[in-house]
N, C-alpha and C. Protein backbone atom coordinates (compact mmCIF):
# COMPACT_ATOMS: atom_id res chain seq x y z
N MET A 1 0.83 -1.20 0.09
CA MET A 1 -0.09 0.06 0.03
C MET A 1 1.01 1.17 -0.01
N SER A 2 0.41 2.23 -0.74
CA SER A 2 1.19 3.51 -0.72
C SER A 2 1.03 4.24 0.48
N ASP A 3 2.16 5.09 0.91
CA ASP A 3 2.09 5.92 1.90
C ASP A 3 0.94 7.07 1.57
N LYS A 4 0.81 7.50 0.29
CA LYS A 4 -0.27 8.28 0.01
C LYS A 4 -1.73 8.09 0.44
N PHE A 5 -1.86 6.78 0.22
CA PHE A 5 -3.37 6.11 0.48
C PHE A 5 -3.49 6.07 1.97
N GLU A 6 -2.49 5.70 2.78
CA GLU A 6 -2.27 5.68 4.13
C GLU A 6 -2.64 6.98 4.71
N ASN A 7 -2.07 8.05 4.22
CA ASN A 7 -2.25 9.45 4.69
C ASN A 7 -3.67 9.89 4.33
N LYS A 8 -4.11 9.66 3.29
CA LYS A 8 -5.45 10.02 2.91
C LYS A 8 -6.46 9.47 3.89
N LEU A 9 -6.33 8.00 4.18
CA LEU A 9 -7.30 7.34 4.99
C LEU A 9 -7.22 7.92 6.32
N LEU A 10 -5.96 8.12 6.87
CA LEU A 10 -5.71 8.75 8.24
C LEU A 10 -6.48 10.12 8.12
N GLY A 11 -6.15 10.91 7.31
CA GLY A 11 -6.80 12.20 7.32
C GLY A 11 -8.22 12.26 7.41
N PHE A 12 -8.75 11.28 6.60
CA PHE A 12 -10.51 11.01 6.61
C PHE A 12 -10.84 10.58 7.96
N ILE A 13 -10.02 9.74 8.58
CA ILE A 13 -10.36 9.25 10.06
C ILE A 13 -10.31 10.18 10.97
N ASN A 14 -9.10 11.26 10.95
CA ASN A 14 -9.14 12.21 11.73
C ASN A 14 -10.02 13.34 11.71
N ALA A 15 -10.30 13.72 10.52
CA ALA A 15 -11.13 14.81 10.10
C ALA A 15 -12.67 14.44 10.53
N ASN A 16 -13.06 13.17 10.61
CA ASN A 16 -14.44 12.84 10.97
C ASN A 16 -14.56 12.34 12.38
N GLY A 17 -13.40 12.23 12.98
CA GLY A 17 -13.50 11.83 14.48
C GLY A 17 -13.74 10.33 14.70
N LEU A 18 -13.40 9.44 13.66
CA LEU A 18 -14.10 8.27 13.66
C LEU A 18 -13.62 7.25 14.82
N PHE A 19 -12.27 7.51 15.26
CA PHE A 19 -11.91 6.64 16.27
C PHE A 19 -11.62 7.36 17.65
N GLU A 20 -12.13 8.43 17.73
CA GLU A 20 -11.95 9.34 19.13
C GLU A 20 -12.61 8.61 20.14
N LYS A 21 -11.67 8.55 21.29
CA LYS A 21 -12.18 7.85 22.57
C LYS A 21 -12.65 6.47 22.43
N ILE A 22 -11.96 5.80 21.47
CA ILE A 22 -12.37 4.33 21.25
C ILE A 22 -11.23 3.73 21.47
N ASP A 23 -11.12 2.54 22.28
CA ASP A 23 -10.00 1.70 22.58
C ASP A 23 -10.12 0.50 21.57
N ARG A 24 -11.00 0.01 21.00
CA ARG A 24 -11.20 -1.20 20.18
C ARG A 24 -12.05 -1.02 19.12
N VAL A 25 -11.76 -1.43 18.03
CA VAL A 25 -12.61 -1.39 16.77
C VAL A 25 -12.92 -2.66 16.19
N LEU A 26 -14.12 -2.97 15.87
CA LEU A 26 -14.47 -4.32 15.25
C LEU A 26 -14.49 -3.99 13.70
N LEU A 27 -13.55 -4.82 12.91
CA LEU A 27 -13.40 -4.66 11.46
C LEU A 27 -14.20 -5.84 11.06
N ALA A 28 -15.21 -5.61 10.17
CA ALA A 28 -16.16 -6.78 9.64
C ALA A 28 -15.65 -6.85 8.40
N VAL A 29 -14.91 -8.04 7.94
CA VAL A 29 -14.34 -8.36 6.68
C VAL A 29 -14.91 -9.43 5.89
N SER A 30 -15.01 -9.32 4.51
CA SER A 30 -15.76 -10.35 3.76
C SER A 30 -14.62 -11.27 3.06
N GLY A 31 -13.15 -10.86 3.12
CA GLY A 31 -12.25 -11.47 2.51
C GLY A 31 -11.88 -11.06 1.06
N GLY A 32 -12.90 -10.07 0.61
CA GLY A 32 -12.48 -9.45 -0.65
C GLY A 32 -11.40 -8.40 -0.68
N ALA A 33 -10.90 -8.01 -1.69
CA ALA A 33 -9.84 -7.09 -2.04
C ALA A 33 -10.10 -5.95 -1.12
N GLY A 34 -11.18 -5.26 -1.04
CA GLY A 34 -11.39 -4.02 -0.28
C GLY A 34 -11.27 -4.33 1.30
N SER A 35 -11.93 -5.31 1.71
CA SER A 35 -11.63 -5.70 3.16
C SER A 35 -10.35 -6.10 3.56
N VAL A 36 -9.58 -6.64 2.74
CA VAL A 36 -8.18 -7.02 2.90
C VAL A 36 -7.33 -5.66 3.02
N ALA A 37 -7.45 -4.90 1.97
CA ALA A 37 -6.90 -3.56 1.95
C ALA A 37 -7.14 -2.71 3.23
N MET A 38 -8.45 -2.61 3.57
CA MET A 38 -8.62 -1.93 4.84
C MET A 38 -8.05 -2.35 5.99
N THR A 39 -8.06 -3.70 6.23
CA THR A 39 -7.58 -4.34 7.32
C THR A 39 -6.02 -4.01 7.45
N HIS A 40 -5.43 -4.11 6.27
CA HIS A 40 -3.79 -3.96 5.97
C HIS A 40 -3.40 -2.58 6.40
N VAL A 41 -4.19 -1.54 5.96
CA VAL A 41 -3.84 -0.21 6.02
C VAL A 41 -3.82 0.27 7.59
N LEU A 42 -5.30 -0.19 8.11
CA LEU A 42 -5.38 0.04 9.42
C LEU A 42 -4.46 -0.63 10.52
N CYS A 43 -3.90 -1.75 10.18
CA CYS A 43 -2.99 -2.41 11.05
C CYS A 43 -1.53 -1.73 10.95
N ARG A 44 -1.36 -1.25 9.57
CA ARG A 44 -0.14 -0.63 9.42
C ARG A 44 -0.09 0.80 10.25
N LEU A 45 -1.27 1.59 10.16
CA LEU A 45 -1.38 2.67 10.89
C LEU A 45 -1.21 2.42 12.18
N ARG A 46 -1.82 1.48 12.92
CA ARG A 46 -1.78 1.05 14.41
C ARG A 46 -0.32 0.64 14.62
N GLN A 47 0.49 -0.16 13.84
CA GLN A 47 1.63 -0.52 14.13
C GLN A 47 2.81 0.72 14.19
N ALA A 48 2.39 1.72 13.20
CA ALA A 48 3.37 2.86 13.05
C ALA A 48 3.06 3.92 14.29
N GLY A 49 1.94 3.54 15.21
CA GLY A 49 1.61 4.50 16.13
C GLY A 49 0.84 5.73 15.56
N ARG A 50 0.35 5.61 14.43
CA ARG A 50 -0.63 6.72 14.10
C ARG A 50 -1.98 6.59 14.45
N LEU A 51 -2.40 5.36 14.84
CA LEU A 51 -3.79 5.18 15.36
C LEU A 51 -3.58 4.63 16.89
N HIS A 52 -4.44 4.94 17.79
CA HIS A 52 -4.34 4.43 19.00
C HIS A 52 -5.38 3.69 19.46
N CYS A 53 -5.80 2.57 18.77
CA CYS A 53 -6.98 1.57 19.28
C CYS A 53 -6.44 0.36 18.72
N ASP A 54 -7.08 -0.65 19.24
CA ASP A 54 -6.90 -2.06 18.89
C ASP A 54 -8.06 -2.45 17.86
N PHE A 55 -7.72 -3.41 17.26
CA PHE A 55 -8.47 -4.08 16.14
C PHE A 55 -8.94 -5.38 16.48
N VAL A 56 -10.15 -5.81 16.27
CA VAL A 56 -10.63 -7.23 16.23
C VAL A 56 -11.45 -7.28 14.85
N VAL A 57 -10.85 -8.46 14.30
CA VAL A 57 -11.35 -8.66 12.82
C VAL A 57 -12.28 -9.81 12.93
N ALA A 58 -13.57 -9.76 12.34
CA ALA A 58 -14.44 -10.65 12.20
C ALA A 58 -14.86 -10.94 10.71
N HIS A 59 -14.67 -12.17 10.34
CA HIS A 59 -15.13 -12.57 9.01
C HIS A 59 -16.48 -12.82 8.85
N ILE A 60 -17.10 -12.09 7.72
CA ILE A 60 -18.42 -12.11 7.37
C ILE A 60 -18.45 -12.82 6.08
N ASN A 61 -19.13 -14.18 5.97
CA ASN A 61 -19.35 -14.78 4.64
C ASN A 61 -20.67 -14.35 4.18
N HIS A 62 -20.92 -13.51 3.24
CA HIS A 62 -22.14 -13.06 2.64
C HIS A 62 -22.86 -14.21 2.06
N GLY A 63 -22.04 -15.26 1.46
CA GLY A 63 -22.85 -16.29 0.77
C GLY A 63 -23.27 -15.87 -0.63
N LEU A 64 -22.63 -14.78 -1.07
CA LEU A 64 -23.18 -14.34 -2.51
C LEU A 64 -22.44 -14.95 -3.58
N ARG A 65 -21.47 -15.50 -3.50
CA ARG A 65 -20.52 -16.13 -4.61
C ARG A 65 -20.80 -17.71 -4.89
């Protein structure tokens, strides 16, 4: 993932106060490319100390394929 995308996502999160005063966030993922990218970028931001909450990942099988 590019740093540009990570910075844009972090800017959106901060501008909208998405994770303010939150210790843990549930990431519901389907296993598709978008879900995997979201999880990857958010975990990278967390590991870099740029986000200050923990993530729990739950796989959701929509049964659409």
